[in-house]
Amino acid sequence: MNTVSETSTPLIDRSQTEAVLYRVAICALTWHPGKTDADPGYRVEDDHRWCLAPLDGVDPGLPVRVLVAATILDPSRHRAELVRSLSALADE
Protein backbone atom coordinates (compact mmCIF):
# COMPACT_ATOMS: atom_id res chain seq x y z
CA MET A 1 0.00 0.00 0.00
CA ASN A 2 1.36 3.41 -0.96
CA THR A 3 1.00 6.27 1.43
CA VAL A 4 2.09 9.83 0.90
CA SER A 5 5.27 9.29 2.92
CA GLU A 6 6.25 6.11 1.01
CA THR A 7 6.04 7.54 -2.50
CA SER A 8 8.30 10.11 -4.09
CA THR A 9 5.76 11.34 -6.64
CA PRO A 10 2.82 13.50 -5.62
CA LEU A 11 -0.59 11.86 -5.78
CA ILE A 12 -2.23 15.03 -7.10
CA ASP A 13 -1.01 18.24 -8.69
CA ARG A 14 -1.47 21.83 -7.58
CA SER A 15 -4.37 22.50 -9.97
CA GLN A 16 -6.31 19.60 -8.44
CA THR A 17 -5.61 20.92 -4.95
CA GLU A 18 -6.84 24.37 -5.93
CA ALA A 19 -9.95 22.97 -7.63
CA VAL A 20 -10.91 20.95 -4.55
CA LEU A 21 -10.37 23.95 -2.26
CA TYR A 22 -12.40 26.20 -4.57
CA ARG A 23 -15.29 23.74 -4.62
CA VAL A 24 -15.20 23.27 -0.85
CA ALA A 25 -15.30 27.05 -0.44
CA ILE A 26 -18.36 27.36 -2.70
CA CYS A 27 -20.16 24.60 -0.79
CA ALA A 28 -19.21 26.06 2.59
CA LEU A 29 -20.44 29.51 1.58
CA THR A 30 -23.80 28.17 0.41
CA TRP A 31 -24.42 25.66 3.20
CA HIS A 32 -26.53 26.61 6.22
CA PRO A 33 -28.12 24.53 9.01
CA GLY A 34 -31.60 24.60 7.46
CA LYS A 35 -30.51 23.92 3.89
CA THR A 36 -32.02 20.43 3.73
CA ASP A 37 -35.40 21.87 4.73
CA ALA A 38 -35.15 24.90 2.44
CA ASP A 39 -33.88 22.90 -0.54
CA PRO A 40 -35.66 19.54 -0.79
CA GLY A 41 -33.42 16.98 -2.41
CA TYR A 42 -30.22 18.66 -1.20
CA ARG A 43 -27.68 16.24 0.25
CA VAL A 44 -24.29 17.22 1.62
CA GLU A 45 -23.04 13.94 0.13
CA ASP A 46 -23.64 15.39 -3.35
CA ASP A 47 -21.56 18.46 -2.47
CA HIS A 48 -18.87 16.19 -1.03
CA ARG A 49 -18.70 14.13 -4.22
CA TRP A 50 -18.58 17.30 -6.36
CA CYS A 51 -15.73 18.71 -4.25
CA LEU A 52 -13.60 15.59 -4.73
CA ALA A 53 -14.32 15.20 -8.47
CA PRO A 54 -11.16 17.13 -9.56
CA LEU A 55 -9.04 14.35 -8.06
CA ASP A 56 -9.92 12.20 -11.09
CA GLY A 57 -10.33 8.94 -9.22
CA VAL A 58 -7.37 9.39 -6.86
CA ASP A 59 -8.48 8.29 -3.39
CA PRO A 60 -7.23 10.99 -1.02
CA GLY A 61 -7.80 8.73 1.99
CA LEU A 62 -10.40 8.76 4.71
CA PRO A 63 -8.95 11.70 6.69
CA VAL A 64 -9.16 14.04 3.68
CA ARG A 65 -12.63 12.82 2.74
CA VAL A 66 -13.80 13.50 6.30
CA LEU A 67 -12.12 16.92 6.30
CA VAL A 68 -13.88 17.93 3.08
CA ALA A 69 -17.29 17.23 4.63
CA ALA A 70 -16.29 18.83 7.94
CA THR A 71 -15.01 21.95 6.17
CA ILE A 72 -18.28 22.35 4.26
CA LEU A 73 -20.16 22.28 7.57
CA ASP A 74 -17.68 24.30 9.67
CA PRO A 75 -15.06 26.03 7.51
CA SER A 76 -13.55 28.16 10.27
CA ARG A 77 -12.67 25.10 12.30
CA HIS A 78 -11.37 22.78 9.55
CA ARG A 79 -10.03 24.78 6.60
CA ALA A 80 -6.38 25.02 7.72
CA GLU A 81 -6.16 21.28 8.30
CA LEU A 82 -7.79 20.58 4.92
CA VAL A 83 -5.28 22.84 3.16
CA ARG A 84 -2.38 21.08 4.92
CA SER A 85 -3.73 17.63 4.06
CA LEU A 86 -4.28 18.45 0.40
CA SER A 87 -0.87 20.10 0.18
CA ALA A 88 0.71 16.92 1.56
CA LEU A 89 -0.94 14.91 -1.21
CA ALA A 90 0.44 17.38 -3.74
CA ASP A 91 3.85 17.32 -2.03
CA GLU A 92 3.90 21.11 -1.67
C-alpha atoms as a PDB file:
ATOM      1  CA  MET A   1       0.000   0.000   0.000  1.00  0.00           C
ATOM      2  CA  ASN A   2       1.360   3.410  -0.962  1.00  0.00           C
ATOM      3  CA  THR A   3       1.000   6.265   1.429  1.00  0.00           C
ATOM      4  CA  VAL A   4       2.087   9.834   0.898  1.00  0.00           C
ATOM      5  CA  SER A   5       5.271   9.285   2.918  1.00  0.00           C
ATOM      6  CA  GLU A   6       6.248   6.106   1.010  1.00  0.00           C
ATOM      7  CA  THR A   7       6.043   7.538  -2.496  1.00  0.00           C
ATOM      8  CA  SER A   8       8.302  10.106  -4.092  1.00  0.00           C
ATOM      9  CA  THR A   9       5.764  11.337  -6.640  1.00  0.00           C
ATOM     10  CA  PRO A  10       2.822  13.499  -5.622  1.00  0.00           C
ATOM     11  CA  LEU A  11      -0.594  11.862  -5.784  1.00  0.00           C
ATOM     12  CA  ILE A  12      -2.233  15.034  -7.095  1.00  0.00           C
ATOM     13  CA  ASP A  13      -1.008  18.239  -8.689  1.00  0.00           C
ATOM     14  CA  ARG A  14      -1.471  21.835  -7.577  1.00  0.00           C
ATOM     15  CA  SER A  15      -4.366  22.496  -9.970  1.00  0.00           C
ATOM     16  CA  GLN A  16      -6.308  19.603  -8.443  1.00  0.00           C
ATOM     17  CA  THR A  17      -5.612  20.919  -4.951  1.00  0.00           C
ATOM     18  CA  GLU A  18      -6.841  24.368  -5.930  1.00  0.00           C
ATOM     19  CA  ALA A  19      -9.949  22.975  -7.627  1.00  0.00           C
ATOM     20  CA  VAL A  20     -10.907  20.953  -4.547  1.00  0.00           C
ATOM     21  CA  LEU A  21     -10.373  23.951  -2.263  1.00  0.00           C
ATOM     22  CA  TYR A  22     -12.399  26.202  -4.574  1.00  0.00           C
ATOM     23  CA  ARG A  23     -15.293  23.739  -4.622  1.00  0.00           C
ATOM     24  CA  VAL A  24     -15.201  23.266  -0.852  1.00  0.00           C
ATOM     25  CA  ALA A  25     -15.305  27.053  -0.441  1.00  0.00           C
ATOM     26  CA  ILE A  26     -18.357  27.356  -2.704  1.00  0.00           C
ATOM     27  CA  CYS A  27     -20.158  24.599  -0.795  1.00  0.00           C
ATOM     28  CA  ALA A  28     -19.211  26.056   2.588  1.00  0.00           C
ATOM     29  CA  LEU A  29     -20.442  29.511   1.583  1.00  0.00           C
ATOM     30  CA  THR A  30     -23.803  28.173   0.405  1.00  0.00           C
ATOM     31  CA  TRP A  31     -24.422  25.665   3.205  1.00  0.00           C
ATOM     32  CA  HIS A  32     -26.525  26.613   6.224  1.00  0.00           C
ATOM     33  CA  PRO A  33     -28.118  24.527   9.009  1.00  0.00           C
ATOM     34  CA  GLY A  34     -31.603  24.599   7.456  1.00  0.00           C
ATOM     35  CA  LYS A  35     -30.513  23.920   3.888  1.00  0.00           C
ATOM     36  CA  THR A  36     -32.017  20.428   3.726  1.00  0.00           C
ATOM     37  CA  ASP A  37     -35.400  21.874   4.732  1.00  0.00           C
ATOM     38  CA  ALA A  38     -35.154  24.899   2.440  1.00  0.00           C
ATOM     39  CA  ASP A  39     -33.879  22.900  -0.538  1.00  0.00           C
ATOM     40  CA  PRO A  40     -35.664  19.541  -0.792  1.00  0.00           C
ATOM     41  CA  GLY A  41     -33.418  16.983  -2.412  1.00  0.00           C
ATOM     42  CA  TYR A  42     -30.222  18.661  -1.203  1.00  0.00           C
ATOM     43  CA  ARG A  43     -27.684  16.241   0.252  1.00  0.00           C
ATOM     44  CA  VAL A  44     -24.286  17.220   1.623  1.00  0.00           C
ATOM     45  CA  GLU A  45     -23.037  13.942   0.131  1.00  0.00           C
ATOM     46  CA  ASP A  46     -23.643  15.385  -3.349  1.00  0.00           C
ATOM     47  CA  ASP A  47     -21.559  18.464  -2.475  1.00  0.00           C
ATOM     48  CA  HIS A  48     -18.875  16.195  -1.028  1.00  0.00           C
ATOM     49  CA  ARG A  49     -18.701  14.129  -4.219  1.00  0.00           C
ATOM     50  CA  TRP A  50     -18.575  17.298  -6.361  1.00  0.00           C
ATOM     51  CA  CYS A  51     -15.729  18.707  -4.249  1.00  0.00           C
ATOM     52  CA  LEU A  52     -13.600  15.589  -4.731  1.00  0.00           C
ATOM     53  CA  ALA A  53     -14.318  15.205  -8.467  1.00  0.00           C
ATOM     54  CA  PRO A  54     -11.163  17.133  -9.561  1.00  0.00           C
ATOM     55  CA  LEU A  55      -9.036  14.355  -8.061  1.00  0.00           C
ATOM     56  CA  ASP A  56      -9.921  12.202 -11.091  1.00  0.00           C
ATOM     57  CA  GLY A  57     -10.333   8.945  -9.217  1.00  0.00           C
ATOM     58  CA  VAL A  58      -7.367   9.389  -6.856  1.00  0.00           C
ATOM     59  CA  ASP A  59      -8.477   8.291  -3.394  1.00  0.00           C
ATOM     60  CA  PRO A  60      -7.230  10.990  -1.016  1.00  0.00           C
ATOM     61  CA  GLY A  61      -7.797   8.733   1.987  1.00  0.00           C
ATOM     62  CA  LEU A  62     -10.402   8.762   4.711  1.00  0.00           C
ATOM     63  CA  PRO A  63      -8.949  11.701   6.688  1.00  0.00           C
ATOM     64  CA  VAL A  64      -9.158  14.038   3.675  1.00  0.00           C
ATOM     65  CA  ARG A  65     -12.634  12.819   2.736  1.00  0.00           C
ATOM     66  CA  VAL A  66     -13.800  13.500   6.301  1.00  0.00           C
ATOM     67  CA  LEU A  67     -12.116  16.920   6.297  1.00  0.00           C
ATOM     68  CA  VAL A  68     -13.882  17.927   3.081  1.00  0.00           C
ATOM     69  CA  ALA A  69     -17.288  17.234   4.635  1.00  0.00           C
ATOM     70  CA  ALA A  70     -16.295  18.831   7.944  1.00  0.00           C
ATOM     71  CA  THR A  71     -15.013  21.954   6.175  1.00  0.00           C
ATOM     72  CA  ILE A  72     -18.276  22.355   4.260  1.00  0.00           C
ATOM     73  CA  LEU A  73     -20.163  22.275   7.565  1.00  0.00           C
ATOM     74  CA  ASP A  74     -17.682  24.302   9.670  1.00  0.00           C
ATOM     75  CA  PRO A  75     -15.059  26.032   7.508  1.00  0.00           C
ATOM     76  CA  SER A  76     -13.549  28.164  10.266  1.00  0.00           C
ATOM     77  CA  ARG A  77     -12.670  25.102  12.300  1.00  0.00           C
ATOM     78  CA  HIS A  78     -11.370  22.778   9.550  1.00  0.00           C
ATOM     79  CA  ARG A  79     -10.028  24.781   6.597  1.00  0.00           C
ATOM     80  CA  ALA A  80      -6.383  25.020   7.722  1.00  0.00           C
ATOM     81  CA  GLU A  81      -6.159  21.282   8.299  1.00  0.00           C
ATOM     82  CA  LEU A  82      -7.787  20.584   4.921  1.00  0.00           C
ATOM     83  CA  VAL A  83      -5.278  22.842   3.162  1.00  0.00           C
ATOM     84  CA  ARG A  84      -2.379  21.075   4.921  1.00  0.00           C
ATOM     85  CA  SER A  85      -3.730  17.635   4.058  1.00  0.00           C
ATOM     86  CA  LEU A  86      -4.279  18.446   0.395  1.00  0.00           C
ATOM     87  CA  SER A  87      -0.865  20.096   0.180  1.00  0.00           C
ATOM     88  CA  ALA A  88       0.707  16.925   1.562  1.00  0.00           C
ATOM     89  CA  LEU A  89      -0.945  14.907  -1.205  1.00  0.00           C
ATOM     90  CA  ALA A  90       0.441  17.375  -3.737  1.00  0.00           C
ATOM     91  CA  ASP A  91       3.846  17.316  -2.030  1.00  0.00           C
ATOM     92  CA  GLU A  92       3.901  21.109  -1.665  1.00  0.00           C
END
